[in-house]
Amino acid sequence: QEQLVEPGGGLVQAGGSLRLSCAASGRTFSNYPMGWFRRAPGKEREFVSTISWSGSSTYYADSVKGRFTISRDNAKNTVYLQMNSLKPEDTAIYYCGAGRRPYSIVSNTASSFGSWGQGTQVTVSS
């Protein structure tokens, strides 16, 4: 049974840092693009960042560009999201997703991702 698990959320003060991880099990995701999305209270799910299967291409939402860094370790079947200079508006449940097709191009649309983790809460206090 394939599964994505996202430990690493928590409570942090504005300006602080957190690193999220997304560990995949059940099958290898090393050939799939991976992404992070988030859902803030009362808002729709939104794109945060995505990384190609090789790790050579990364994309970010304008709201997090320059503050967040996505990376992956295919040997560990894990993708990371390093979040620096956190703001209260970053408060949300963060979800990682695996692309639907191997070797596919990266995408910022949720429909391009077929497997999702259960989500992890990130709360940034002001």
PDB file of N, CA and C in Angstrom:
ATOM      1  N   GLN A   1       0.842  -1.188   0.000  1.00  0.00           N
ATOM      2  CA  GLN A   1       0.000   0.000   0.000  1.00  0.00           C
ATOM      3  C   GLN A   1       0.882   1.245   0.000  1.00  0.00           C
ATOM      4  N   GLU A   2       0.723   2.052  -1.039  1.00  0.00           N
ATOM      5  CA  GLU A   2       1.550   3.251  -1.106  1.00  0.00           C
ATOM      6  C   GLU A   2       1.051   4.286  -0.109  1.00  0.00           C
ATOM      7  N   GLN A   3       1.988   5.010   0.426  1.00  0.00           N
ATOM      8  CA  GLN A   3       1.655   5.971   1.462  1.00  0.00           C
ATOM      9  C   GLN A   3       2.659   7.105   1.465  1.00  0.00           C
ATOM     10  N   LEU A   4       2.156   8.294   1.721  1.00  0.00           N
ATOM     11  CA  LEU A   4       3.006   9.470   1.909  1.00  0.00           C
ATOM     12  C   LEU A   4       2.753   9.976   3.320  1.00  0.00           C
ATOM     13  N   VAL A   5       3.819  10.129   4.086  1.00  0.00           N
ATOM     14  CA  VAL A   5       3.694  10.567   5.470  1.00  0.00           C
ATOM     15  C   VAL A   5       4.503  11.840   5.643  1.00  0.00           C
ATOM     16  N   GLU A   6       3.891  12.829   6.267  1.00  0.00           N
ATOM     17  CA  GLU A   6       4.505  14.155   6.384  1.00  0.00           C
ATOM     18  C   GLU A   6       4.714  14.565   7.843  1.00  0.00           C
ATOM     19  N   PRO A   7       5.772  14.134   8.486  1.00  0.00           N
ATOM     20  CA  PRO A   7       6.093  14.681   9.801  1.00  0.00           C
ATOM     21  C   PRO A   7       6.739  16.051   9.632  1.00  0.00           C
ATOM     22  N   GLY A   8       6.879  16.785  10.689  1.00  0.00           N
ATOM     23  CA  GLY A   8       7.664  18.013  10.630  1.00  0.00           C
ATOM     24  C   GLY A   8       6.906  19.293  10.845  1.00  0.00           C
ATOM     25  N   GLY A   9       5.587  19.256  10.916  1.00  0.00           N
ATOM     26  CA  GLY A   9       4.848  20.482  11.160  1.00  0.00           C
ATOM     27  C   GLY A   9       4.977  20.920  12.607  1.00  0.00           C
ATOM     28  N   GLY A  10       4.340  22.048  12.924  1.00  0.00           N
ATOM     29  CA  GLY A  10       4.379  22.514  14.295  1.00  0.00           C
ATOM     30  C   GLY A  10       4.070  23.989  14.401  1.00  0.00           C
ATOM     31  N   LEU A  11       4.376  24.517  15.579  1.00  0.00           N
ATOM     32  CA  LEU A  11       4.133  25.927  15.875  1.00  0.00           C
ATOM     33  C   LEU A  11       5.459  26.663  15.908  1.00  0.00           C
ATOM     34  N   VAL A  12       5.524  27.791  15.234  1.00  0.00           N
ATOM     35  CA  VAL A  12       6.755  28.575  15.179  1.00  0.00           C
ATOM     36  C   VAL A  12       6.390  30.059  15.165  1.00  0.00           C
ATOM     37  N   GLN A  13       7.274  30.876  15.676  1.00  0.00           N
ATOM     38  CA  GLN A  13       7.048  32.321  15.654  1.00  0.00           C
ATOM     39  C   GLN A  13       7.385  32.887  14.277  1.00  0.00           C
ATOM     40  N   ALA A  14       6.767  33.993  13.968  1.00  0.00           N
ATOM     41  CA  ALA A  14       7.063  34.669  12.710  1.00  0.00           C
ATOM     42  C   ALA A  14       8.557  34.941  12.601  1.00  0.00           C
ATOM     43  N   GLY A  15       9.084  34.685  11.421  1.00  0.00           N
ATOM     44  CA  GLY A  15      10.512  34.840  11.195  1.00  0.00           C
ATOM     45  C   GLY A  15      11.296  33.566  11.412  1.00  0.00           C
ATOM     46  N   GLY A  16      10.647  32.574  11.975  1.00  0.00           N
ATOM     47  CA  GLY A  16      11.312  31.309  12.249  1.00  0.00           C
ATOM     48  C   GLY A  16      11.336  30.380  11.059  1.00  0.00           C
ATOM     49  N   SER A  17      11.825  29.158  11.307  1.00  0.00           N
ATOM     50  CA  SER A  17      11.996  28.166  10.249  1.00  0.00           C
ATOM     51  C   SER A  17      11.429  26.821  10.666  1.00  0.00           C
ATOM     52  N   LEU A  18      11.013  26.076   9.674  1.00  0.00           N
ATOM     53  CA  LEU A  18      10.588  24.697   9.862  1.00  0.00           C
ATOM     54  C   LEU A  18      10.996  23.918   8.628  1.00  0.00           C
ATOM     55  N   ARG A  19      11.246  22.631   8.813  1.00  0.00           N
ATOM     56  CA  ARG A  19      11.475  21.769   7.662  1.00  0.00           C
ATOM     57  C   ARG A  19      10.460  20.646   7.671  1.00  0.00           C
ATOM     58  N   LEU A  20       9.704  20.576   6.601  1.00  0.00           N
ATOM     59  CA  LEU A  20       8.762  19.484   6.424  1.00  0.00           C
ATOM     60  C   LEU A  20       9.428  18.387   5.608  1.00  0.00           C
ATOM     61  N   SER A  21       9.036  17.170   5.902  1.00  0.00           N
ATOM     62  CA  SER A  21       9.490  16.061   5.084  1.00  0.00           C
ATOM     63  C   SER A  21       8.291  15.224   4.670  1.00  0.00           C
ATOM     64  N   CYS A  22       8.458  14.516   3.600  1.00  0.00           N
ATOM     65  CA  CYS A  22       7.404  13.657   3.073  1.00  0.00           C
ATOM     66  C   CYS A  22       8.061  12.344   2.695  1.00  0.00           C
ATOM     67  N   ALA A  23       7.811  11.336   3.505  1.00  0.00           N
ATOM     68  CA  ALA A  23       8.418  10.028   3.289  1.00  0.00           C
ATOM     69  C   ALA A  23       7.426   9.114   2.572  1.00  0.00           C
ATOM     70  N   ALA A  24       7.872   8.552   1.479  1.00  0.00           N
ATOM     71  CA  ALA A  24       7.016   7.680   0.684  1.00  0.00           C
ATOM     72  C   ALA A  24       7.320   6.220   0.983  1.00  0.00           C
ATOM     73  N   SER A  25       6.293   5.418   0.985  1.00  0.00           N
ATOM     74  CA  SER A  25       6.473   3.985   1.186  1.00  0.00           C
ATOM     75  C   SER A  25       5.469   3.243   0.312  1.00  0.00           C
ATOM     76  N   GLY A  26       5.703   1.978   0.134  1.00  0.00           N
ATOM     77  CA  GLY A  26       4.787   1.167  -0.654  1.00  0.00           C
ATOM     78  C   GLY A  26       5.219   1.021  -2.096  1.00  0.00           C
ATOM     79  N   ARG A  27       5.825   2.044  -2.623  1.00  0.00           N
ATOM     80  CA  ARG A  27       6.407   1.980  -3.963  1.00  0.00           C
ATOM     81  C   ARG A  27       7.392   3.115  -4.073  1.00  0.00           C
ATOM     82  N   THR A  28       8.224   3.068  -5.078  1.00  0.00           N
ATOM     83  CA  THR A  28       9.182   4.141  -5.249  1.00  0.00           C
ATOM     84  C   THR A  28       8.538   5.328  -5.954  1.00  0.00           C
ATOM     85  N   PHE A  29       8.839   6.512  -5.456  1.00  0.00           N
ATOM     86  CA  PHE A  29       8.368   7.732  -6.084  1.00  0.00           C
ATOM     87  C   PHE A  29       9.523   8.485  -6.737  1.00  0.00           C
ATOM     88  N   SER A  30      10.667   7.841  -6.830  1.00  0.00           N
ATOM     89  CA  SER A  30      11.851   8.542  -7.314  1.00  0.00           C
ATOM     90  C   SER A  30      11.734   8.957  -8.775  1.00  0.00           C
ATOM     91  N   ASN A  31      10.822   8.347  -9.518  1.00  0.00           N
ATOM     92  CA  ASN A  31      10.651   8.706 -10.928  1.00  0.00           C
ATOM     93  C   ASN A  31       9.493   9.668 -11.159  1.00  0.00           C
ATOM     94  N   TYR A  32       8.930  10.180 -10.063  1.00  0.00           N
ATOM     95  CA  TYR A  32       7.745  11.033 -10.169  1.00  0.00           C
ATOM     96  C   TYR A  32       8.041  12.438  -9.663  1.00  0.00           C
ATOM     97  N   PRO A  33       7.462  13.450 -10.326  1.00  0.00           N
ATOM     98  CA  PRO A  33       7.559  14.777  -9.728  1.00  0.00           C
ATOM     99  C   PRO A  33       6.790  14.780  -8.405  1.00  0.00           C
ATOM    100  N   MET A  34       7.228  15.616  -7.495  1.00  0.00           N
ATOM    101  CA  MET A  34       6.598  15.723  -6.186  1.00  0.00           C
ATOM    102  C   MET A  34       6.258  17.192  -5.936  1.00  0.00           C
ATOM    103  N   GLY A  35       5.268  17.407  -5.107  1.00  0.00           N
ATOM    104  CA  GLY A  35       4.876  18.785  -4.857  1.00  0.00           C
ATOM    105  C   GLY A  35       4.337  18.994  -3.460  1.00  0.00           C
ATOM    106  N   TRP A  36       4.286  20.240  -3.069  1.00  0.00           N
ATOM    107  CA  TRP A  36       3.686  20.643  -1.798  1.00  0.00           C
ATOM    108  C   TRP A  36       2.560  21.634  -2.091  1.00  0.00           C
ATOM    109  N   PHE A  37       1.458  21.414  -1.451  1.00  0.00           N
ATOM    110  CA  PHE A  37       0.312  22.317  -1.504  1.00  0.00           C
ATOM    111  C   PHE A  37      -0.083  22.642  -0.070  1.00  0.00           C
ATOM    112  N   ARG A  38      -0.904  23.644   0.101  1.00  0.00           N
ATOM    113  CA  ARG A  38      -1.367  23.965   1.453  1.00  0.00           C
ATOM    114  C   ARG A  38      -2.793  24.475   1.408  1.00  0.00           C
ATOM    115  N   ARG A  39      -3.464  24.322   2.533  1.00  0.00           N
ATOM    116  CA  ARG A  39      -4.832  24.829   2.676  1.00  0.00           C
ATOM    117  C   ARG A  39      -4.915  25.608   3.970  1.00  0.00           C
ATOM    118  N   ALA A  40      -5.128  26.901   3.834  1.00  0.00           N
ATOM    119  CA  ALA A  40      -5.294  27.759   5.006  1.00  0.00           C
ATOM    120  C   ALA A  40      -6.765  27.743   5.432  1.00  0.00           C
ATOM    121  N   PRO A  41      -7.030  28.058   6.670  1.00  0.00           N
ATOM    122  CA  PRO A  41      -8.423  28.065   7.151  1.00  0.00           C
ATOM    123  C   PRO A  41      -9.308  28.950   6.286  1.00  0.00           C
ATOM    124  N   GLY A  42     -10.406  28.371   5.802  1.00  0.00           N
ATOM    125  CA  GLY A  42     -11.364  29.130   5.015  1.00  0.00           C
ATOM    126  C   GLY A  42     -10.941  29.411   3.591  1.00  0.00           C
ATOM    127  N   LYS A  43      -9.850  28.795   3.156  1.00  0.00           N
ATOM    128  CA  LYS A  43      -9.362  29.046   1.801  1.00  0.00           C
ATOM    129  C   LYS A  43      -9.242  27.751   1.013  1.00  0.00           C
ATOM    130  N   GLU A  44      -9.111  27.926  -0.281  1.00  0.00           N
ATOM    131  CA  GLU A  44      -8.917  26.774  -1.147  1.00  0.00           C
ATOM    132  C   GLU A  44      -7.467  26.274  -1.033  1.00  0.00           C
ATOM    133  N   ARG A  45      -7.278  25.014  -1.416  1.00  0.00           N
ATOM    134  CA  ARG A  45      -5.915  24.483  -1.470  1.00  0.00           C
ATOM    135  C   ARG A  45      -5.129  25.254  -2.513  1.00  0.00           C
ATOM    136  N   GLU A  46      -3.882  25.567  -2.204  1.00  0.00           N
ATOM    137  CA  GLU A  46      -3.063  26.321  -3.138  1.00  0.00           C
ATOM    138  C   GLU A  46      -1.697  25.677  -3.308  1.00  0.00           C
ATOM    139  N   PHE A  47      -1.152  25.902  -4.467  1.00  0.00           N
ATOM    140  CA  PHE A  47       0.173  25.388  -4.804  1.00  0.00           C
ATOM    141  C   PHE A  47       1.237  26.116  -4.000  1.00  0.00           C
ATOM    142  N   VAL A  48       2.236  25.355  -3.552  1.00  0.00           N
ATOM    143  CA  VAL A  48       3.378  25.938  -2.847  1.00  0.00           C
ATOM    144  C   VAL A  48       4.660  25.744  -3.660  1.00  0.00           C
ATOM    145  N   SER A  49       4.965  24.481  -3.997  1.00  0.00           N
ATOM    146  CA  SER A  49       6.216  24.205  -4.680  1.00  0.00           C
ATOM    147  C   SER A  49       6.168  22.823  -5.308  1.00  0.00           C
ATOM    148  N   THR A  50       6.989  22.618  -6.326  1.00  0.00           N
ATOM    149  CA  THR A  50       7.085  21.327  -6.959  1.00  0.00           C
ATOM    150  C   THR A  50       8.515  21.092  -7.415  1.00  0.00           C
ATOM    151  N   ILE A  51       8.880  19.825  -7.545  1.00  0.00           N
ATOM    152  CA  ILE A  51      10.228  19.455  -7.940  1.00  0.00           C
ATOM    153  C   ILE A  51      10.134  18.305  -8.926  1.00  0.00           C
ATOM    154  N   SER A  52      10.989  18.346  -9.933  1.00  0.00           N
ATOM    155  CA  SER A  52      10.988  17.296 -10.938  1.00  0.00           C
ATOM    156  C   SER A  52      11.512  15.989 -10.357  1.00  0.00           C
ATOM    157  N   TRP A  53      11.319  14.902 -11.074  1.00  0.00           N
ATOM    158  CA  TRP A  53      11.712  13.586 -10.573  1.00  0.00           C
ATOM    159  C   TRP A  53      13.215  13.522 -10.310  1.00  0.00           C
ATOM    160  N   SER A  54      13.999  14.230 -11.101  1.00  0.00           N
ATOM    161  CA  SER A  54      15.454  14.210 -10.930  1.00  0.00           C
ATOM    162  C   SER A  54      15.930  15.233  -9.913  1.00  0.00           C
ATOM    163  N   GLY A  55      15.073  16.181  -9.580  1.00  0.00           N
ATOM    164  CA  GLY A  55      15.469  17.258  -8.682  1.00  0.00           C
ATOM    165  C   GLY A  55      16.103  18.444  -9.391  1.00  0.00           C
ATOM    166  N   SER A  56      16.214  18.365 -10.707  1.00  0.00           N
ATOM    167  CA  SER A  56      16.912  19.416 -11.442  1.00  0.00           C
ATOM    168  C   SER A  56      16.047  20.655 -11.674  1.00  0.00           C
ATOM    169  N   SER A  57      14.735  20.506 -11.551  1.00  0.00           N
ATOM    170  CA  SER A  57      13.829  21.639 -11.758  1.00  0.00           C
ATOM    171  C   SER A  57      12.931  21.821 -10.537  1.00  0.00           C
ATOM    172  N   THR A  58      12.829  23.061 -10.121  1.00  0.00           N
ATOM    173  CA  THR A  58      11.961  23.391  -8.994  1.00  0.00           C
ATOM    174  C   THR A  58      11.149  24.643  -9.325  1.00  0.00           C
ATOM    175  N   TYR A  59       9.954  24.736  -8.775  1.00  0.00           N
ATOM    176  CA  TYR A  59       9.089  25.895  -9.004  1.00  0.00           C
ATOM    177  C   TYR A  59       8.401  26.247  -7.695  1.00  0.00           C
ATOM    178  N   TYR A  60       8.125  27.520  -7.566  1.00  0.00           N
ATOM    179  CA  TYR A  60       7.551  28.013  -6.322  1.00  0.00           C
ATOM    180  C   TYR A  60       6.417  28.994  -6.605  1.00  0.00           C
ATOM    181  N   ALA A  61       5.471  29.016  -5.703  1.00  0.00           N
ATOM    182  CA  ALA A  61       4.477  30.074  -5.733  1.00  0.00           C
ATOM    183  C   ALA A  61       5.160  31.389  -5.411  1.00  0.00           C
ATOM    184  N   ASP A  62       4.665  32.459  -5.974  1.00  0.00           N
ATOM    185  CA  ASP A  62       5.276  33.771  -5.733  1.00  0.00           C
ATOM    186  C   ASP A  62       5.295  34.114  -4.247  1.00  0.00           C
ATOM    187  N   SER A  63       4.292  33.640  -3.529  1.00  0.00           N
ATOM    188  CA  SER A  63       4.181  33.977  -2.110  1.00  0.00           C
ATOM    189  C   SER A  63       5.276  33.363  -1.252  1.00  0.00           C
ATOM    190  N   VAL A  64       5.942  32.325  -1.752  1.00  0.00           N
ATOM    191  CA  VAL A  64       6.973  31.660  -0.943  1.00  0.00           C
ATOM    192  C   VAL A  64       8.350  31.725  -1.583  1.00  0.00           C
ATOM    193  N   LYS A  65       8.414  32.254  -2.781  1.00  0.00           N
ATOM    194  CA  LYS A  65       9.685  32.305  -3.504  1.00  0.00           C
ATOM    195  C   LYS A  65      10.719  33.096  -2.701  1.00  0.00           C
ATOM    196  N   GLY A  66      11.908  32.526  -2.604  1.00  0.00           N
ATOM    197  CA  GLY A  66      12.972  33.173  -1.848  1.00  0.00           C
ATOM    198  C   GLY A  66      12.981  32.821  -0.376  1.00  0.00           C
ATOM    199  N   ARG A  67      11.895  32.201   0.102  1.00  0.00           N
ATOM    200  CA  ARG A  67      11.823  31.812   1.513  1.00  0.00           C
ATOM    201  C   ARG A  67      11.780  30.301   1.687  1.00  0.00           C
ATOM    202  N   PHE A  68      11.157  29.606   0.764  1.00  0.00           N
ATOM    203  CA  PHE A  68      11.014  28.152   0.848  1.00  0.00           C
ATOM    204  C   PHE A  68      11.935  27.491  -0.164  1.00  0.00           C
ATOM    205  N   THR A  69      12.412  26.295   0.195  1.00  0.00           N
ATOM    206  CA  THR A  69      13.248  25.508  -0.705  1.00  0.00           C
ATOM    207  C   THR A  69      12.768  24.065  -0.694  1.00  0.00           C
ATOM    208  N   ILE A  70      12.473  23.553  -1.870  1.00  0.00           N
ATOM    209  CA  ILE A  70      12.073  22.158  -1.994  1.00  0.00           C
ATOM    210  C   ILE A  70      13.287  21.344  -2.446  1.00  0.00           C
ATOM    211  N   SER A  71      13.392  20.136  -1.944  1.00  0.00           N
ATOM    212  CA  SER A  71      14.482  19.258  -2.343  1.00  0.00           C
ATOM    213  C   SER A  71      14.006  17.816  -2.189  1.00  0.00           C
ATOM    214  N   ARG A  72      14.796  16.896  -2.706  1.00  0.00           N
ATOM    215  CA  ARG A  72      14.421  15.493  -2.588  1.00  0.00           C
ATOM    216  C   ARG A  72      15.656  14.631  -2.471  1.00  0.00           C
ATOM    217  N   ASP A  73      15.481  13.494  -1.830  1.00  0.00           N
ATOM    218  CA  ASP A  73      16.519  12.484  -1.710  1.00  0.00           C
ATOM    219  C   ASP A  73      15.893  11.193  -2.217  1.00  0.00           C
ATOM    220  N   ASN A  74      16.147  10.873  -3.465  1.00  0.00           N
ATOM    221  CA  ASN A  74      15.493   9.707  -4.061  1.00  0.00           C
ATOM    222  C   ASN A  74      15.960   8.394  -3.438  1.00  0.00           C
ATOM    223  N   ALA A  75      17.147   8.372  -2.921  1.00  0.00           N
ATOM    224  CA  ALA A  75      17.627   7.157  -2.252  1.00  0.00           C
ATOM    225  C   ALA A  75      16.798   6.861  -1.005  1.00  0.00           C
ATOM    226  N   LYS A  76      16.260   7.932  -0.404  1.00  0.00           N
ATOM    227  CA  LYS A  76      15.440   7.771   0.797  1.00  0.00           C
ATOM    228  C   LYS A  76      13.952   7.882   0.495  1.00  0.00           C
ATOM    229  N   ASN A  77      13.622   8.070  -0.790  1.00  0.00           N
ATOM    230  CA  ASN A  77      12.218   8.197  -1.177  1.00  0.00           C
ATOM    231  C   ASN A  77      11.521   9.302  -0.388  1.00  0.00           C
ATOM    232  N   THR A  78      12.222  10.414  -0.241  1.00  0.00           N
ATOM    233  CA  THR A  78      11.741  11.496   0.621  1.00  0.00           C
ATOM    234  C   THR A  78      11.902  12.842  -0.081  1.00  0.00           C
ATOM    235  N   VAL A  79      10.920  13.709   0.125  1.00  0.00           N
ATOM    236  CA  VAL A  79      11.000  15.076  -0.371  1.00  0.00           C
ATOM    237  C   VAL A  79      10.881  16.016   0.826  1.00  0.00           C
ATOM    238  N   TYR A  80      11.546  17.151   0.754  1.00  0.00           N
ATOM    239  CA  TYR A  80      11.608  18.095   1.864  1.00  0.00           C
ATOM    240  C   TYR A  80      11.105  19.465   1.430  1.00  0.00           C
ATOM    241  N   LEU A  81      10.657  20.218   2.410  1.00  0.00           N
ATOM    242  CA  LEU A  81      10.318  21.617   2.191  1.00  0.00           C
ATOM    243  C   LEU A  81      10.912  22.418   3.347  1.00  0.00           C
ATOM    244  N   GLN A  82      11.983  23.121   3.060  1.00  0.00           N
ATOM    245  CA  GLN A  82      12.603  23.997   4.052  1.00  0.00           C
ATOM    246  C   GLN A  82      11.911  25.347   4.001  1.00  0.00           C
ATOM    247  N   MET A  83      11.364  25.770   5.112  1.00  0.00           N
ATOM    248  CA  MET A  83      10.596  27.012   5.165  1.00  0.00           C
ATOM    249  C   MET A  83      11.284  27.990   6.099  1.00  0.00           C
ATOM    250  N   ASN A  84      11.758  29.087   5.553  1.00  0.00           N
ATOM    251  CA  ASN A  84      12.437  30.114   6.337  1.00  0.00           C
ATOM    252  C   ASN A  84      11.615  31.402   6.318  1.00  0.00           C
ATOM    253  N   SER A  85      11.946  32.291   7.217  1.00  0.00           N
ATOM    254  CA  SER A  85      11.270  33.599   7.300  1.00  0.00           C
ATOM    255  C   SER A  85       9.755  33.434   7.271  1.00  0.00           C
ATOM    256  N   LEU A  86       9.273  32.537   8.086  1.00  0.00           N
ATOM    257  CA  LEU A  86       7.851  32.232   8.073  1.00  0.00           C
ATOM    258  C   LEU A  86       7.011  33.417   8.519  1.00  0.00           C
ATOM    259  N   LYS A  87       5.835  33.510   7.910  1.00  0.00           N
ATOM    260  CA  LYS A  87       4.897  34.590   8.186  1.00  0.00           C
ATOM    261  C   LYS A  87       3.582  33.989   8.701  1.00  0.00           C
ATOM    262  N   PRO A  88       2.812  34.749   9.431  1.00  0.00           N
ATOM    263  CA  PRO A  88       1.515  34.232   9.892  1.00  0.00           C
ATOM    264  C   PRO A  88       0.641  33.738   8.742  1.00  0.00           C
ATOM    265  N   GLU A  89       0.754  34.353   7.588  1.00  0.00           N
ATOM    266  CA  GLU A  89      -0.061  33.920   6.449  1.00  0.00           C
ATOM    267  C   GLU A  89       0.383  32.581   5.864  1.00  0.00           C
ATOM    268  N   ASP A  90       1.492  32.045   6.346  1.00  0.00           N
ATOM    269  CA  ASP A  90       1.909  30.701   5.946  1.00  0.00           C
ATOM    270  C   ASP A  90       1.191  29.623   6.758  1.00  0.00           C
ATOM    271  N   THR A  91       0.439  30.033   7.757  1.00  0.00           N
ATOM    272  CA  THR A  91      -0.308  29.074   8.566  1.00  0.00           C
ATOM    273  C   THR A  91      -1.292  28.304   7.699  1.00  0.00           C
ATOM    274  N   ALA A  92      -1.186  26.977   7.734  1.00  0.00           N
ATOM    275  CA  ALA A  92      -2.017  26.131   6.878  1.00  0.00           C
ATOM    276  C   ALA A  92      -1.709  24.672   7.180  1.00  0.00           C
ATOM    277  N   ILE A  93      -2.513  23.814   6.608  1.00  0.00           N
ATOM    278  CA  ILE A  93      -2.178  22.395   6.561  1.00  0.00           C
ATOM    279  C   ILE A  93      -1.417  22.177   5.262  1.00  0.00           C
ATOM    280  N   TYR A  94      -0.256  21.565   5.379  1.00  0.00           N
ATOM    281  CA  TYR A  94       0.595  21.345   4.220  1.00  0.00           C
ATOM    282  C   TYR A  94       0.498  19.878   3.794  1.00  0.00           C
ATOM    283  N   TYR A  95       0.321  19.684   2.498  1.00  0.00           N
ATOM    284  CA  TYR A  95       0.175  18.350   1.927  1.00  0.00           C
ATOM    285  C   TYR A  95       1.252  18.118   0.873  1.00  0.00           C
ATOM    286  N   CYS A  96       1.828  16.930   0.890  1.00  0.00           N
ATOM    287  CA  CYS A  96       2.704  16.581  -0.219  1.00  0.00           C
ATOM    288  C   CYS A  96       1.963  15.657  -1.165  1.00  0.00           C
ATOM    289  N   GLY A  97       2.327  15.745  -2.406  1.00  0.00           N
ATOM    290  CA  GLY A  97       1.687  14.934  -3.424  1.00  0.00           C
ATOM    291  C   GLY A  97       2.709  14.379  -4.386  1.00  0.00           C
ATOM    292  N   ALA A  98       2.374  13.229  -4.964  1.00  0.00           N
ATOM    293  CA  ALA A  98       3.214  12.591  -5.964  1.00  0.00           C
ATOM    294  C   ALA A  98       2.529  12.695  -7.330  1.00  0.00           C
ATOM    295  N   GLY A  99       3.302  13.017  -8.332  1.00  0.00           N
ATOM    296  CA  GLY A  99       2.747  13.140  -9.670  1.00  0.00           C
ATOM    297  C   GLY A  99       2.075  11.862 -10.141  1.00  0.00           C
ATOM    298  N   ARG A 100       1.132  12.020 -11.048  1.00  0.00           N
ATOM    299  CA  ARG A 100       0.380  10.856 -11.541  1.00  0.00           C
ATOM    300  C   ARG A 100       1.202   9.968 -12.467  1.00  0.00           C
ATOM    301  N   ARG A 101       2.102  10.589 -13.202  1.00  0.00           N
ATOM    302  CA  ARG A 101       2.868   9.817 -14.191  1.00  0.00           C
ATOM    303  C   ARG A 101       4.357   9.984 -13.957  1.00  0.00           C
ATOM    304  N   PRO A 102       5.120   8.895 -14.131  1.00  0.00           N
ATOM    305  CA  PRO A 102       6.576   8.998 -13.973  1.00  0.00           C
ATOM    306  C   PRO A 102       7.181   9.857 -15.066  1.00  0.00           C
ATOM    307  N   TYR A 103       8.229  10.531 -14.712  1.00  0.00           N
ATOM    308  CA  TYR A 103       9.002  11.358 -15.645  1.00  0.00           C
ATOM    309  C   TYR A 103       8.177  12.481 -16.267  1.00  0.00           C
ATOM    310  N   SER A 104       7.037  12.786 -15.711  1.00  0.00           N
ATOM    311  CA  SER A 104       6.208  13.864 -16.264  1.00  0.00           C
ATOM    312  C   SER A 104       6.789  15.215 -15.856  1.00  0.00           C
ATOM    313  N   ILE A 105       6.415  16.244 -16.599  1.00  0.00           N
ATOM    314  CA  ILE A 105       6.909  17.579 -16.286  1.00  0.00           C
ATOM    315  C   ILE A 105       6.247  18.064 -15.002  1.00  0.00           C
ATOM    316  N   VAL A 106       6.879  18.978 -14.349  1.00  0.00           N
ATOM    317  CA  VAL A 106       6.336  19.505 -13.102  1.00  0.00           C
ATOM    318  C   VAL A 106       5.104  20.360 -13.401  1.00  0.00           C
ATOM    319  N   SER A 107       4.250  20.456 -12.422  1.00  0.00           N
ATOM    320  CA  SER A 107       2.997  21.181 -12.586  1.00  0.00           C
ATOM    321  C   SER A 107       2.617  21.855 -11.283  1.00  0.00           C
ATOM    322  N   ASN A 108       1.889  22.943 -11.392  1.00  0.00           N
ATOM    323  CA  ASN A 108       1.412  23.626 -10.194  1.00  0.00           C
ATOM    324  C   ASN A 108      -0.084  23.390  -9.966  1.00  0.00           C
ATOM    325  N   THR A 109      -0.649  22.411 -10.662  1.00  0.00           N
ATOM    326  CA  THR A 109      -2.072  22.119 -10.490  1.00  0.00           C
ATOM    327  C   THR A 109      -2.256  20.825  -9.708  1.00  0.00           C
ATOM    328  N   ALA A 110      -3.157  20.849  -8.761  1.00  0.00           N
ATOM    329  CA  ALA A 110      -3.365  19.704  -7.888  1.00  0.00           C
ATOM    330  C   ALA A 110      -3.813  18.466  -8.654  1.00  0.00           C
ATOM    331  N   SER A 111      -4.515  18.651  -9.755  1.00  0.00           N
ATOM    332  CA  SER A 111      -5.008  17.505 -10.521  1.00  0.00           C
ATOM    333  C   SER A 111      -3.889  16.693 -11.147  1.00  0.00           C
ATOM    334  N   SER A 112      -2.685  17.235 -11.202  1.00  0.00           N
ATOM    335  CA  SER A 112      -1.536  16.520 -11.755  1.00  0.00           C
ATOM    336  C   SER A 112      -0.925  15.555 -10.749  1.00  0.00           C
ATOM    337  N   PHE A 113      -1.421  15.593  -9.529  1.00  0.00           N
ATOM    338  CA  PHE A 113      -0.874  14.758  -8.473  1.00  0.00           C
ATOM    339  C   PHE A 113      -1.916  13.716  -8.068  1.00  0.00           C
ATOM    340  N   GLY A 114      -1.465  12.453  -7.975  1.00  0.00           N
ATOM    341  CA  GLY A 114      -2.410  11.374  -7.762  1.00  0.00           C
ATOM    342  C   GLY A 114      -2.383  10.753  -6.391  1.00  0.00           C
ATOM    343  N   SER A 115      -1.313  10.963  -5.650  1.00  0.00           N
ATOM    344  CA  SER A 115      -1.206  10.413  -4.295  1.00  0.00           C
ATOM    345  C   SER A 115      -0.918  11.555  -3.345  1.00  0.00           C
ATOM    346  N   TRP A 116      -1.576  11.542  -2.205  1.00  0.00           N
ATOM    347  CA  TRP A 116      -1.431  12.631  -1.251  1.00  0.00           C
ATOM    348  C   TRP A 116      -1.161  12.100   0.156  1.00  0.00           C
ATOM    349  N   GLY A 117      -0.407  12.875   0.899  1.00  0.00           N
ATOM    350  CA  GLY A 117      -0.240  12.577   2.306  1.00  0.00           C
ATOM    351  C   GLY A 117      -1.435  13.075   3.097  1.00  0.00           C
ATOM    352  N   GLN A 118      -1.411  12.813   4.390  1.00  0.00           N
ATOM    353  CA  GLN A 118      -2.540  13.172   5.244  1.00  0.00           C
ATOM    354  C   GLN A 118      -2.500  14.635   5.674  1.00  0.00           C
ATOM    355  N   GLY A 119      -1.379  15.284   5.448  1.00  0.00           N
ATOM    356  CA  GLY A 119      -1.246  16.685   5.796  1.00  0.00           C
ATOM    357  C   GLY A 119      -0.615  16.889   7.160  1.00  0.00           C
ATOM    358  N   THR A 120       0.073  18.001   7.303  1.00  0.00           N
ATOM    359  CA  THR A 120       0.676  18.363   8.578  1.00  0.00           C
ATOM    360  C   THR A 120       0.408  19.841   8.844  1.00  0.00           C
ATOM    361  N   GLN A 121       0.056  20.154  10.077  1.00  0.00           N
ATOM    362  CA  GLN A 121      -0.307  21.519  10.435  1.00  0.00           C
ATOM    363  C   GLN A 121       0.941  22.362  10.694  1.00  0.00           C
ATOM    364  N   VAL A 122       0.970  23.510  10.069  1.00  0.00           N
ATOM    365  CA  VAL A 122       2.003  24.509  10.335  1.00  0.00           C
ATOM    366  C   VAL A 122       1.299  25.765  10.828  1.00  0.00           C
ATOM    367  N   THR A 123       1.682  26.220  12.008  1.00  0.00           N
ATOM    368  CA  THR A 123       1.083  27.418  12.587  1.00  0.00           C
ATOM    369  C   THR A 123       2.191  28.422  12.883  1.00  0.00           C
ATOM    370  N   VAL A 124       2.049  29.622  12.339  1.00  0.00           N
ATOM    371  CA  VAL A 124       3.030  30.681  12.536  1.00  0.00           C
ATOM    372  C   VAL A 124       2.374  31.783  13.352  1.00  0.00           C
ATOM    373  N   SER A 125       2.915  32.026  14.528  1.00  0.00           N
ATOM    374  CA  SER A 125       2.346  33.045  15.394  1.00  0.00           C
ATOM    375  C   SER A 125       3.031  34.383  15.160  1.00  0.00           C
ATOM    376  N   SER A 126       2.285  35.446  15.340  1.00  0.00           N
ATOM    377  CA  SER A 126       2.840  36.788  15.102  1.00  0.00           C
ATOM    378  C   SER A 126       3.454  37.350  16.363  1.00  0.00           C
TER     379      SER A 126
END
